[in-house]
Amino acid sequence: MDTRNRQPYKKIKAFLVEHEIKHKDVANLLEMKPNTISKKLNGFGGDFTLEEAKLMHVELGVPIAYFFEPSVPKKERKLIS
């Protein structure tokens, strides 16, 4: 039984793995517990706030678009040129 609140942040999870950034590192940056970060990333917790997204972008290099892509329906996505 899947009790997710929303889709997981797959691109952010992949980015963290590719750059060898642990949940513990993100948790320290955002002053949270690693378990909270895991829940947010996997769709079981709340979304990241804009402030959290900005911190992860500036400090860890996570592309800001990765925070918004999972929840936007495909029919509403547009290419920005």
Protein backbone atom coordinates (compact mmCIF):
# COMPACT_ATOMS: atom_id res chain seq x y z
CA MET A 1 0.00 0.00 0.00
CA ASP A 2 1.49 3.30 -1.13
CA THR A 3 0.86 6.17 1.28
CA ARG A 4 2.83 8.83 -0.57
CA ASN A 5 1.58 12.40 -0.40
CA ARG A 6 3.02 13.11 -3.85
CA GLN A 7 5.56 11.92 -6.41
CA PRO A 8 9.14 11.48 -5.17
CA TYR A 9 11.85 13.93 -6.15
CA LYS A 10 13.60 11.42 -8.41
CA LYS A 11 15.92 13.93 -10.11
CA ILE A 12 17.05 15.39 -6.78
CA LYS A 13 17.66 11.90 -5.39
CA ALA A 14 19.71 11.01 -8.47
CA PHE A 15 21.65 14.29 -8.23
CA LEU A 16 22.54 13.60 -4.59
CA VAL A 17 23.73 10.08 -5.42
CA GLU A 18 25.76 11.24 -8.44
CA HIS A 19 27.46 13.92 -6.35
CA GLU A 20 27.93 11.66 -3.31
CA ILE A 21 25.83 13.95 -1.11
CA LYS A 22 24.26 12.08 1.80
CA HIS A 23 20.88 12.77 3.37
CA LYS A 24 22.83 13.63 6.51
CA ASP A 25 24.62 16.44 4.63
CA VAL A 26 21.32 17.86 3.37
CA ALA A 27 19.82 17.51 6.85
CA ASN A 28 22.69 19.47 8.39
CA LEU A 29 22.32 22.20 5.78
CA LEU A 30 18.57 22.51 6.35
CA GLU A 31 18.80 21.89 10.11
CA MET A 32 16.56 18.81 9.97
CA LYS A 33 16.85 15.14 10.75
CA PRO A 34 18.03 12.85 7.92
CA ASN A 35 14.75 10.93 8.25
CA THR A 36 12.80 14.12 7.47
CA ILE A 37 14.91 14.66 4.34
CA SER A 38 14.31 11.07 3.26
CA LYS A 39 10.55 11.47 3.71
CA LYS A 40 10.51 14.69 1.69
CA LEU A 41 12.59 13.17 -1.12
CA ASN A 42 10.48 10.01 -1.30
CA GLY A 43 7.08 11.72 -1.28
CA PHE A 44 5.99 10.69 2.21
CA GLY A 45 6.63 14.04 3.90
CA GLY A 46 5.89 17.60 2.91
CA ASP A 47 7.38 19.43 -0.03
CA PHE A 48 10.59 21.40 0.24
CA THR A 49 9.98 25.06 0.98
CA LEU A 50 11.26 27.70 -1.39
CA GLU A 51 13.92 28.65 1.16
CA GLU A 52 15.06 25.01 1.43
CA ALA A 53 15.18 24.73 -2.36
CA LYS A 54 17.26 27.91 -2.62
CA LEU A 55 19.71 26.68 0.04
CA MET A 56 20.12 23.32 -1.69
CA HIS A 57 20.60 25.09 -5.02
CA VAL A 58 23.18 27.58 -3.74
CA GLU A 59 25.08 25.32 -1.34
CA LEU A 60 24.86 21.93 -3.09
CA GLY A 61 24.27 22.88 -6.72
CA VAL A 62 20.90 21.13 -7.06
CA PRO A 63 19.21 22.61 -10.16
CA ILE A 64 16.24 24.68 -9.00
CA ALA A 65 14.00 23.18 -11.73
CA TYR A 66 14.28 19.77 -10.05
CA PHE A 67 12.08 21.03 -7.20
CA PHE A 68 9.19 21.89 -9.49
CA GLU A 69 9.14 19.25 -12.23
CA PRO A 70 7.61 16.29 -10.35
CA SER A 71 4.35 18.03 -9.47
CA VAL A 72 3.64 19.77 -12.76
CA PRO A 73 1.25 17.77 -14.98
CA LYS A 74 2.77 16.89 -18.37
CA LYS A 75 0.07 18.80 -20.25
CA GLU A 76 1.01 21.97 -18.35
CA ARG A 77 4.77 21.73 -18.90
CA LYS A 78 6.19 24.15 -21.45
CA LEU A 79 9.68 24.62 -22.75
CA ILE A 80 11.19 27.90 -21.68
CA SER A 81 13.50 29.34 -24.31
